[in-house]
């Protein structure tokens, strides 16, 4: 009876009484060497720039698909696939190609994992699809801060992360493909009305008393802009409102609160500096 082979690594399973005089060679070549390759071997995969590069796989003989590490090189003109057998296997995939395109490691009929150029990924084939081997981590210790372009914060703490991400947001143009919306945070109408600009860009204030003042906001950052919606009380008014001197309306204009019950006004603003906010008033949206 001829040998059979394991389903995942395709190692030879000799039958008792078989391979007389050749047992050592067959075990060394068809089992031991191949286990070594599966645990620590590296396959040099030179991608031919076709849509699907299929890894070689053989029973009881060396191949690419059995190796632990897939070092993919070659020049690509588009995103390409590397196709592995649909058997249980862990891989470390290195995208060392040129051309600037990602490769996707996948099974013939399943889904896969994209690996950006210059990046390395650990993936796992579950016999149907190829998945990321690390979908969830309780903690991760890095030897150095992970760069922003790699999905990190370029920092080792929260304060540094905020600084790094803010700088990146200013320095790198952003393109949005859908509508963007910010929350509208309600302000409490007190004698001294506090606006915390770290909470939102847009605010809503319903007047409940007269003679109140909008104070200088906290956490002012130059360039931040937004709107404050101001609604006159439905009953008990009309109430007035004053503004701290940090709020600069055009030509020293004093915003008039629309007196009609339930009327709405709006102040649109942009922070010029830590001591100055330019604002434009528009009124009576009732």
C-alpha atoms as a PDB file:
ATOM      1  CA  UNK A   1       0.000   0.000   0.000  1.00  0.00           C
ATOM      2  CA  UNK A   2       1.515   3.381  -0.948  1.00  0.00           C
ATOM      3  CA  UNK A   3       2.106   6.187   1.547  1.00  0.00           C
ATOM      4  CA  UNK A   4      -0.564   8.796   2.264  1.00  0.00           C
ATOM      5  CA  UNK A   5      -0.030  12.437   3.249  1.00  0.00           C
ATOM      6  CA  UNK A   6      -1.142  14.777   6.029  1.00  0.00           C
ATOM      7  CA  UNK A   7      -3.851  17.236   5.017  1.00  0.00           C
ATOM      8  CA  UNK A   8      -2.236  20.512   6.125  1.00  0.00           C
ATOM      9  CA  UNK A   9       1.523  20.184   5.606  1.00  0.00           C
ATOM     10  CA  UNK A  10       1.451  17.285   3.112  1.00  0.00           C
ATOM     11  CA  UNK A  11       3.976  15.205   5.102  1.00  0.00           C
ATOM     12  CA  UNK A  12       4.446  11.587   4.100  1.00  0.00           C
ATOM     13  CA  UNK A  13       2.694   8.913   6.184  1.00  0.00           C
ATOM     14  CA  UNK A  14       4.558   5.668   5.396  1.00  0.00           C
ATOM     15  CA  UNK A  15       2.669   2.408   5.819  1.00  0.00           C
ATOM     16  CA  UNK A  16       4.042  -0.207   8.218  1.00  0.00           C
ATOM     17  CA  UNK A  17       6.385  -2.548   6.345  1.00  0.00           C
ATOM     18  CA  UNK A  18       6.891  -0.141   3.468  1.00  0.00           C
ATOM     19  CA  UNK A  19      10.105   1.561   2.355  1.00  0.00           C
ATOM     20  CA  UNK A  20      12.488  -1.251   3.275  1.00  0.00           C
ATOM     21  CA  UNK A  21      16.032   0.089   3.003  1.00  0.00           C
ATOM     22  CA  UNK A  22      14.820   3.600   2.235  1.00  0.00           C
ATOM     23  CA  UNK A  23      13.100   4.531   5.491  1.00  0.00           C
ATOM     24  CA  UNK A  24      15.755   7.017   6.683  1.00  0.00           C
ATOM     25  CA  UNK A  25      15.882   8.926   3.404  1.00  0.00           C
ATOM     26  CA  UNK A  26      12.109   9.153   3.127  1.00  0.00           C
ATOM     27  CA  UNK A  27      11.676  10.286   6.741  1.00  0.00           C
ATOM     28  CA  UNK A  28      14.414  12.897   6.404  1.00  0.00           C
ATOM     29  CA  UNK A  29      13.237  14.239   3.048  1.00  0.00           C
ATOM     30  CA  UNK A  30       9.487  13.724   3.294  1.00  0.00           C
ATOM     31  CA  UNK A  31       8.908  14.560   6.951  1.00  0.00           C
ATOM     32  CA  UNK A  32      11.749  16.092   9.002  1.00  0.00           C
ATOM     33  CA  UNK A  33      12.997  18.605   6.426  1.00  0.00           C
ATOM     34  CA  UNK A  34       9.464  19.650   5.570  1.00  0.00           C
ATOM     35  CA  UNK A  35       8.502  20.184   9.220  1.00  0.00           C
ATOM     36  CA  UNK A  36      11.584  22.379   9.536  1.00  0.00           C
ATOM     37  CA  UNK A  37      10.431  24.408   6.539  1.00  0.00           C
ATOM     38  CA  UNK A  38       6.892  24.761   7.929  1.00  0.00           C
ATOM     39  CA  UNK A  39       8.187  26.056  11.259  1.00  0.00           C
ATOM     40  CA  UNK A  40      11.095  28.238  10.169  1.00  0.00           C
ATOM     41  CA  UNK A  41      11.470  28.156   6.387  1.00  0.00           C
ATOM     42  CA  UNK A  42      11.290  31.097   3.988  1.00  0.00           C
ATOM     43  CA  UNK A  43       9.897  30.945   0.468  1.00  0.00           C
ATOM     44  CA  UNK A  44      11.287  33.417  -2.062  1.00  0.00           C
ATOM     45  CA  UNK A  45       8.127  34.302  -3.975  1.00  0.00           C
ATOM     46  CA  UNK A  46       8.897  36.345  -7.088  1.00  0.00           C
ATOM     47  CA  UNK A  47       5.504  37.658  -8.180  1.00  0.00           C
ATOM     48  CA  UNK A  48       5.021  37.673 -11.941  1.00  0.00           C
ATOM     49  CA  UNK A  49       2.513  40.603 -11.853  1.00  0.00           C
ATOM     50  CA  UNK A  50      -0.386  38.415 -12.933  1.00  0.00           C
ATOM     51  CA  UNK A  51      -3.643  38.904 -11.021  1.00  0.00           C
ATOM     52  CA  UNK A  52      -3.194  35.625  -9.099  1.00  0.00           C
ATOM     53  CA  UNK A  53       0.165  34.117  -8.205  1.00  0.00           C
ATOM     54  CA  UNK A  54      -0.451  30.575  -6.912  1.00  0.00           C
ATOM     55  CA  UNK A  55       2.061  29.173  -4.449  1.00  0.00           C
ATOM     56  CA  UNK A  56       3.546  25.816  -5.377  1.00  0.00           C
ATOM     57  CA  UNK A  57       2.419  22.902  -3.188  1.00  0.00           C
ATOM     58  CA  UNK A  58       3.530  19.275  -3.342  1.00  0.00           C
ATOM     59  CA  UNK A  59       3.092  16.102  -1.336  1.00  0.00           C
ATOM     60  CA  UNK A  60       6.221  15.069   0.597  1.00  0.00           C
ATOM     61  CA  UNK A  61       8.408  17.481  -1.392  1.00  0.00           C
ATOM     62  CA  UNK A  62       9.600  21.028  -0.968  1.00  0.00           C
ATOM     63  CA  UNK A  63       7.229  23.794  -2.040  1.00  0.00           C
ATOM     64  CA  UNK A  64       6.383  27.444  -1.337  1.00  0.00           C
ATOM     65  CA  UNK A  65       3.045  26.953   0.408  1.00  0.00           C
ATOM     66  CA  UNK A  66       4.553  24.935   3.273  1.00  0.00           C
ATOM     67  CA  UNK A  67       7.067  27.611   4.298  1.00  0.00           C
ATOM     68  CA  UNK A  68       6.493  29.766   7.370  1.00  0.00           C
ATOM     69  CA  UNK A  69       7.648  33.010   5.746  1.00  0.00           C
ATOM     70  CA  UNK A  70       6.515  34.217   2.325  1.00  0.00           C
ATOM     71  CA  UNK A  71       8.952  36.885   1.126  1.00  0.00           C
ATOM     72  CA  UNK A  72       7.163  38.342  -1.883  1.00  0.00           C
ATOM     73  CA  UNK A  73       9.213  40.384  -4.353  1.00  0.00           C
ATOM     74  CA  UNK A  74       8.799  41.468  -7.972  1.00  0.00           C
ATOM     75  CA  UNK A  75       7.564  44.595  -9.738  1.00  0.00           C
ATOM     76  CA  UNK A  76       3.792  45.147  -9.677  1.00  0.00           C
ATOM     77  CA  UNK A  77       1.644  47.403 -11.827  1.00  0.00           C
ATOM     78  CA  UNK A  78      -1.507  46.949  -9.718  1.00  0.00           C
ATOM     79  CA  UNK A  79      -2.689  45.280  -6.541  1.00  0.00           C
ATOM     80  CA  UNK A  80      -2.152  41.517  -6.882  1.00  0.00           C
ATOM     81  CA  UNK A  81      -3.064  38.274  -5.109  1.00  0.00           C
ATOM     82  CA  UNK A  82      -0.894  35.513  -3.682  1.00  0.00           C
ATOM     83  CA  UNK A  83      -2.992  32.342  -3.568  1.00  0.00           C
ATOM     84  CA  UNK A  84      -2.307  29.689  -0.936  1.00  0.00           C
ATOM     85  CA  UNK A  85      -3.922  26.245  -0.509  1.00  0.00           C
ATOM     86  CA  UNK A  86      -7.172  26.121   1.476  1.00  0.00           C
ATOM     87  CA  UNK A  87      -5.610  24.207   4.375  1.00  0.00           C
ATOM     88  CA  UNK A  88      -4.897  25.200   7.967  1.00  0.00           C
ATOM     89  CA  UNK A  89      -1.650  27.210   8.013  1.00  0.00           C
ATOM     90  CA  UNK A  90       0.022  30.216   9.659  1.00  0.00           C
ATOM     91  CA  UNK A  91       2.120  32.547   7.491  1.00  0.00           C
ATOM     92  CA  UNK A  92       4.298  35.604   7.910  1.00  0.00           C
ATOM     93  CA  UNK A  93       3.884  37.566   4.675  1.00  0.00           C
ATOM     94  CA  UNK A  94       6.410  40.232   3.640  1.00  0.00           C
ATOM     95  CA  UNK A  95       5.447  42.591   0.826  1.00  0.00           C
ATOM     96  CA  UNK A  96       8.859  43.414  -0.598  1.00  0.00           C
ATOM     97  CA  UNK A  97       7.554  44.213  -4.079  1.00  0.00           C
ATOM     98  CA  UNK A  98       8.215  47.430  -5.976  1.00  0.00           C
ATOM     99  CA  UNK A  99       5.648  49.586  -7.730  1.00  0.00           C
ATOM    100  CA  UNK A 100       3.798  50.759  -4.616  1.00  0.00           C
ATOM    101  CA  UNK A 101       0.953  48.224  -4.566  1.00  0.00           C
ATOM    102  CA  UNK A 102      -0.516  45.960  -1.903  1.00  0.00           C
ATOM    103  CA  UNK A 103      -0.666  42.197  -2.183  1.00  0.00           C
ATOM    104  CA  UNK A 104      -3.539  40.093  -0.863  1.00  0.00           C
ATOM    105  CA  UNK A 105      -2.848  36.642   0.522  1.00  0.00           C
ATOM    106  CA  UNK A 106      -5.941  34.479  -0.033  1.00  0.00           C
ATOM    107  CA  UNK A 107      -7.288  31.030  -0.828  1.00  0.00           C
ATOM    108  CA  UNK A 108      -8.531  30.144  -4.322  1.00  0.00           C
ATOM    109  CA  UNK A 109     -12.204  30.728  -3.466  1.00  0.00           C
ATOM    110  CA  UNK A 110     -12.085  32.628  -0.175  1.00  0.00           C
ATOM    111  CA  UNK A 111     -11.270  36.082   1.090  1.00  0.00           C
ATOM    112  CA  UNK A 112      -7.854  37.301   2.175  1.00  0.00           C
ATOM    113  CA  UNK A 113      -5.725  39.876   3.957  1.00  0.00           C
ATOM    114  CA  UNK A 114      -4.165  42.867   2.215  1.00  0.00           C
ATOM    115  CA  UNK A 115      -0.516  43.633   2.999  1.00  0.00           C
ATOM    116  CA  UNK A 116       0.705  47.105   2.037  1.00  0.00           C
ATOM    117  CA  UNK A 117       4.002  47.526   0.223  1.00  0.00           C
ATOM    118  CA  UNK A 118       6.902  47.468   2.644  1.00  0.00           C
ATOM    119  CA  UNK A 119       4.775  45.908   5.395  1.00  0.00           C
ATOM    120  CA  UNK A 120       4.758  42.502   7.090  1.00  0.00           C
ATOM    121  CA  UNK A 121       1.654  40.656   8.317  1.00  0.00           C
ATOM    122  CA  UNK A 122       0.933  37.464  10.244  1.00  0.00           C
ATOM    123  CA  UNK A 123      -2.054  35.681   8.729  1.00  0.00           C
ATOM    124  CA  UNK A 124      -3.908  32.418   9.289  1.00  0.00           C
ATOM    125  CA  UNK A 125      -5.696  30.236   6.765  1.00  0.00           C
ATOM    126  CA  UNK A 126      -8.709  28.557   8.389  1.00  0.00           C
ATOM    127  CA  UNK A 127      -9.210  26.225   5.379  1.00  0.00           C
ATOM    128  CA  UNK A 128     -11.737  28.625   3.819  1.00  0.00           C
ATOM    129  CA  UNK A 129     -10.392  32.180   4.117  1.00  0.00           C
ATOM    130  CA  UNK A 130      -7.153  33.889   5.105  1.00  0.00           C
ATOM    131  CA  UNK A 131      -7.559  36.020   8.237  1.00  0.00           C
ATOM    132  CA  UNK A 132      -5.388  38.339  10.268  1.00  0.00           C
ATOM    133  CA  UNK A 133      -3.655  36.272  12.933  1.00  0.00           C
ATOM    134  CA  UNK A 134      -3.977  39.151  15.426  1.00  0.00           C
ATOM    135  CA  UNK A 135      -7.557  40.406  15.422  1.00  0.00           C
ATOM    136  CA  UNK A 136      -7.490  41.393  19.090  1.00  0.00           C
ATOM    137  CA  UNK A 137      -4.722  42.202  21.573  1.00  0.00           C
ATOM    138  CA  UNK A 138      -5.052  42.969  25.285  1.00  0.00           C
ATOM    139  CA  UNK A 139      -1.781  44.889  25.152  1.00  0.00           C
ATOM    140  CA  UNK A 140       1.123  45.485  22.803  1.00  0.00           C
ATOM    141  CA  UNK A 141       4.567  46.746  23.723  1.00  0.00           C
ATOM    142  CA  UNK A 142       6.522  48.366  20.886  1.00  0.00           C
ATOM    143  CA  UNK A 143      10.208  49.031  20.780  1.00  0.00           C
ATOM    144  CA  UNK A 144       9.494  52.527  19.432  1.00  0.00           C
ATOM    145  CA  UNK A 145       6.373  54.647  18.826  1.00  0.00           C
ATOM    146  CA  UNK A 146       4.370  53.445  15.828  1.00  0.00           C
ATOM    147  CA  UNK A 147       4.358  56.080  13.041  1.00  0.00           C
ATOM    148  CA  UNK A 148       1.102  57.797  12.155  1.00  0.00           C
ATOM    149  CA  UNK A 149       1.270  56.526   8.564  1.00  0.00           C
ATOM    150  CA  UNK A 150       1.339  52.981   9.969  1.00  0.00           C
ATOM    151  CA  UNK A 151      -1.776  53.569  12.036  1.00  0.00           C
ATOM    152  CA  UNK A 152      -0.033  54.700  15.227  1.00  0.00           C
ATOM    153  CA  UNK A 153       0.231  57.966  17.146  1.00  0.00           C
ATOM    154  CA  UNK A 154       4.022  58.522  16.966  1.00  0.00           C
ATOM    155  CA  UNK A 155       4.018  58.861  20.738  1.00  0.00           C
ATOM    156  CA  UNK A 156       4.246  56.858  23.950  1.00  0.00           C
ATOM    157  CA  UNK A 157       1.556  58.713  25.928  1.00  0.00           C
ATOM    158  CA  UNK A 158      -1.826  60.391  25.485  1.00  0.00           C
ATOM    159  CA  UNK A 159      -0.536  63.973  25.595  1.00  0.00           C
ATOM    160  CA  UNK A 160       2.090  63.291  22.971  1.00  0.00           C
ATOM    161  CA  UNK A 161      -0.455  61.438  20.838  1.00  0.00           C
ATOM    162  CA  UNK A 162      -2.774  64.452  20.803  1.00  0.00           C
ATOM    163  CA  UNK A 163       0.099  66.712  19.757  1.00  0.00           C
ATOM    164  CA  UNK A 164       1.293  64.331  17.036  1.00  0.00           C
ATOM    165  CA  UNK A 165      -2.155  63.722  15.590  1.00  0.00           C
ATOM    166  CA  UNK A 166      -3.045  67.412  15.663  1.00  0.00           C
ATOM    167  CA  UNK A 167       0.167  68.268  13.814  1.00  0.00           C
ATOM    168  CA  UNK A 168      -0.482  65.537  11.248  1.00  0.00           C
ATOM    169  CA  UNK A 169      -4.008  66.783  10.701  1.00  0.00           C
ATOM    170  CA  UNK A 170      -2.739  70.293   9.974  1.00  0.00           C
ATOM    171  CA  UNK A 171       0.173  69.224   7.788  1.00  0.00           C
ATOM    172  CA  UNK A 172      -1.603  66.591   5.689  1.00  0.00           C
ATOM    173  CA  UNK A 173      -4.540  67.598   3.426  1.00  0.00           C
ATOM    174  CA  UNK A 174      -7.685  65.640   4.230  1.00  0.00           C
ATOM    175  CA  UNK A 175     -10.184  64.444   1.623  1.00  0.00           C
ATOM    176  CA  UNK A 176     -13.695  63.465   2.691  1.00  0.00           C
ATOM    177  CA  UNK A 177     -15.934  61.401   0.449  1.00  0.00           C
ATOM    178  CA  UNK A 178     -19.086  61.838   2.547  1.00  0.00           C
ATOM    179  CA  UNK A 179     -20.835  64.400   4.686  1.00  0.00           C
ATOM    180  CA  UNK A 180     -19.191  65.346   7.975  1.00  0.00           C
ATOM    181  CA  UNK A 181     -21.161  66.400  11.065  1.00  0.00           C
ATOM    182  CA  UNK A 182     -20.211  67.563  14.529  1.00  0.00           C
ATOM    183  CA  UNK A 183     -22.271  67.282  17.687  1.00  0.00           C
ATOM    184  CA  UNK A 184     -24.172  70.320  18.964  1.00  0.00           C
ATOM    185  CA  UNK A 185     -23.492  70.633  22.701  1.00  0.00           C
ATOM    186  CA  UNK A 186     -26.013  72.370  24.962  1.00  0.00           C
ATOM    187  CA  UNK A 187     -24.797  75.252  27.121  1.00  0.00           C
ATOM    188  CA  UNK A 188     -26.228  76.009  30.569  1.00  0.00           C
ATOM    189  CA  UNK A 189     -27.715  79.499  30.817  1.00  0.00           C
ATOM    190  CA  UNK A 190     -26.192  81.012  33.963  1.00  0.00           C
ATOM    191  CA  UNK A 191     -25.063  84.502  34.901  1.00  0.00           C
ATOM    192  CA  UNK A 192     -21.635  83.475  33.569  1.00  0.00           C
ATOM    193  CA  UNK A 193     -22.012  81.151  30.572  1.00  0.00           C
ATOM    194  CA  UNK A 194     -18.982  78.910  30.038  1.00  0.00           C
ATOM    195  CA  UNK A 195     -18.086  77.533  26.605  1.00  0.00           C
ATOM    196  CA  UNK A 196     -15.550  74.671  26.582  1.00  0.00           C
ATOM    197  CA  UNK A 197     -14.206  74.480  23.023  1.00  0.00           C
ATOM    198  CA  UNK A 198     -12.635  71.079  23.661  1.00  0.00           C
ATOM    199  CA  UNK A 199     -16.136  69.544  23.759  1.00  0.00           C
ATOM    200  CA  UNK A 200     -17.392  70.557  20.323  1.00  0.00           C
ATOM    201  CA  UNK A 201     -17.416  73.210  17.626  1.00  0.00           C
ATOM    202  CA  UNK A 202     -21.139  73.908  17.732  1.00  0.00           C
ATOM    203  CA  UNK A 203     -23.262  74.839  20.739  1.00  0.00           C
ATOM    204  CA  UNK A 204     -26.880  75.530  21.611  1.00  0.00           C
ATOM    205  CA  UNK A 205     -28.025  78.033  24.253  1.00  0.00           C
ATOM    206  CA  UNK A 206     -31.627  78.493  25.397  1.00  0.00           C
ATOM    207  CA  UNK A 207     -32.055  81.710  27.385  1.00  0.00           C
ATOM    208  CA  UNK A 208     -33.784  81.354  30.746  1.00  0.00           C
ATOM    209  CA  UNK A 209     -32.761  84.595  32.418  1.00  0.00           C
ATOM    210  CA  UNK A 210     -31.673  88.136  31.656  1.00  0.00           C
ATOM    211  CA  UNK A 211     -28.377  89.961  31.970  1.00  0.00           C
ATOM    212  CA  UNK A 212     -26.262  86.874  31.410  1.00  0.00           C
ATOM    213  CA  UNK A 213     -22.779  86.976  29.879  1.00  0.00           C
ATOM    214  CA  UNK A 214     -20.955  84.599  27.506  1.00  0.00           C
ATOM    215  CA  UNK A 215     -17.518  84.255  29.076  1.00  0.00           C
ATOM    216  CA  UNK A 216     -14.165  83.786  27.332  1.00  0.00           C
ATOM    217  CA  UNK A 217     -14.141  80.129  26.254  1.00  0.00           C
ATOM    218  CA  UNK A 218     -11.811  77.581  27.754  1.00  0.00           C
ATOM    219  CA  UNK A 219      -9.459  75.452  25.613  1.00  0.00           C
ATOM    220  CA  UNK A 220      -9.255  77.929  22.752  1.00  0.00           C
ATOM    221  CA  UNK A 221      -7.195  76.694  19.770  1.00  0.00           C
ATOM    222  CA  UNK A 222      -6.394  79.020  16.893  1.00  0.00           C
ATOM    223  CA  UNK A 223      -8.264  77.998  13.758  1.00  0.00           C
ATOM    224  CA  UNK A 224     -11.206  76.302  15.457  1.00  0.00           C
ATOM    225  CA  UNK A 225     -14.538  77.494  14.116  1.00  0.00           C
ATOM    226  CA  UNK A 226     -18.192  76.802  14.625  1.00  0.00           C
ATOM    227  CA  UNK A 227     -21.544  78.281  15.621  1.00  0.00           C
ATOM    228  CA  UNK A 228     -23.525  79.089  18.737  1.00  0.00           C
ATOM    229  CA  UNK A 229     -27.310  78.827  18.324  1.00  0.00           C
ATOM    230  CA  UNK A 230     -29.203  81.104  20.721  1.00  0.00           C
ATOM    231  CA  UNK A 231     -32.924  80.652  21.372  1.00  0.00           C
ATOM    232  CA  UNK A 232     -35.083  83.204  23.177  1.00  0.00           C
ATOM    233  CA  UNK A 233     -37.172  81.814  26.017  1.00  0.00           C
ATOM    234  CA  UNK A 234     -40.658  80.667  25.048  1.00  0.00           C
ATOM    235  CA  UNK A 235     -42.079  82.331  28.175  1.00  0.00           C
ATOM    236  CA  UNK A 236     -40.837  84.843  30.716  1.00  0.00           C
ATOM    237  CA  UNK A 237     -38.645  86.860  28.353  1.00  0.00           C
ATOM    238  CA  UNK A 238     -37.439  88.561  26.411  1.00  0.00           C
ATOM    239  CA  UNK A 239     -33.933  88.186  27.825  1.00  0.00           C
ATOM    240  CA  UNK A 240     -30.699  89.920  26.828  1.00  0.00           C
ATOM    241  CA  UNK A 241     -27.184  88.587  26.504  1.00  0.00           C
ATOM    242  CA  UNK A 242     -23.711  90.160  26.684  1.00  0.00           C
ATOM    243  CA  UNK A 243     -20.314  88.895  25.534  1.00  0.00           C
ATOM    244  CA  UNK A 244     -16.809  88.881  27.017  1.00  0.00           C
ATOM    245  CA  UNK A 245     -14.330  91.196  25.309  1.00  0.00           C
ATOM    246  CA  UNK A 246     -12.526  88.207  23.786  1.00  0.00           C
ATOM    247  CA  UNK A 247     -15.489  87.977  21.392  1.00  0.00           C
ATOM    248  CA  UNK A 248     -14.869  90.480  18.561  1.00  0.00           C
ATOM    249  CA  UNK A 249     -17.913  91.355  16.463  1.00  0.00           C
ATOM    250  CA  UNK A 250     -17.474  93.533  13.366  1.00  0.00           C
ATOM    251  CA  UNK A 251     -17.135  97.285  14.053  1.00  0.00           C
ATOM    252  CA  UNK A 252     -17.694  96.693  17.779  1.00  0.00           C
ATOM    253  CA  UNK A 253     -21.205  95.557  16.903  1.00  0.00           C
ATOM    254  CA  UNK A 254     -23.337  94.615  19.922  1.00  0.00           C
ATOM    255  CA  UNK A 255     -25.426  91.559  18.953  1.00  0.00           C
ATOM    256  CA  UNK A 256     -29.134  92.221  19.510  1.00  0.00           C
ATOM    257  CA  UNK A 257     -31.062  89.215  20.836  1.00  0.00           C
ATOM    258  CA  UNK A 258     -34.324  88.799  18.912  1.00  0.00           C
ATOM    259  CA  UNK A 259     -37.037  89.485  21.526  1.00  0.00           C
ATOM    260  CA  UNK A 260     -39.823  87.316  20.056  1.00  0.00           C
ATOM    261  CA  UNK A 261     -40.630  84.257  22.165  1.00  0.00           C
ATOM    262  CA  UNK A 262     -38.814  81.198  20.819  1.00  0.00           C
ATOM    263  CA  UNK A 263     -36.855  83.206  18.222  1.00  0.00           C
ATOM    264  CA  UNK A 264     -33.441  81.900  17.143  1.00  0.00           C
ATOM    265  CA  UNK A 265     -30.208  83.810  16.512  1.00  0.00           C
ATOM    266  CA  UNK A 266     -26.745  82.564  15.630  1.00  0.00           C
ATOM    267  CA  UNK A 267     -23.139  83.595  16.238  1.00  0.00           C
ATOM    268  CA  UNK A 268     -20.617  82.071  13.826  1.00  0.00           C
ATOM    269  CA  UNK A 269     -17.027  82.246  15.058  1.00  0.00           C
ATOM    270  CA  UNK A 270     -13.418  81.416  14.350  1.00  0.00           C
ATOM    271  CA  UNK A 271     -10.669  81.482  16.969  1.00  0.00           C
ATOM    272  CA  UNK A 272      -7.856  83.814  15.902  1.00  0.00           C
ATOM    273  CA  UNK A 273      -5.660  83.372  18.977  1.00  0.00           C
ATOM    274  CA  UNK A 274      -5.798  82.471  22.645  1.00  0.00           C
ATOM    275  CA  UNK A 275      -7.165  85.958  23.386  1.00  0.00           C
ATOM    276  CA  UNK A 276      -9.313  86.766  20.359  1.00  0.00           C
ATOM    277  CA  UNK A 277     -12.346  85.269  18.602  1.00  0.00           C
ATOM    278  CA  UNK A 278     -13.842  86.806  15.479  1.00  0.00           C
ATOM    279  CA  UNK A 279     -17.603  86.391  15.296  1.00  0.00           C
ATOM    280  CA  UNK A 280     -20.417  87.172  12.859  1.00  0.00           C
ATOM    281  CA  UNK A 281     -23.987  87.657  14.078  1.00  0.00           C
ATOM    282  CA  UNK A 282     -27.160  86.743  12.213  1.00  0.00           C
ATOM    283  CA  UNK A 283     -30.547  86.986  13.794  1.00  0.00           C
ATOM    284  CA  UNK A 284     -34.236  86.237  13.814  1.00  0.00           C
ATOM    285  CA  UNK A 285     -34.528  82.749  12.316  1.00  0.00           C
ATOM    286  CA  UNK A 286     -37.978  82.400  13.852  1.00  0.00           C
END
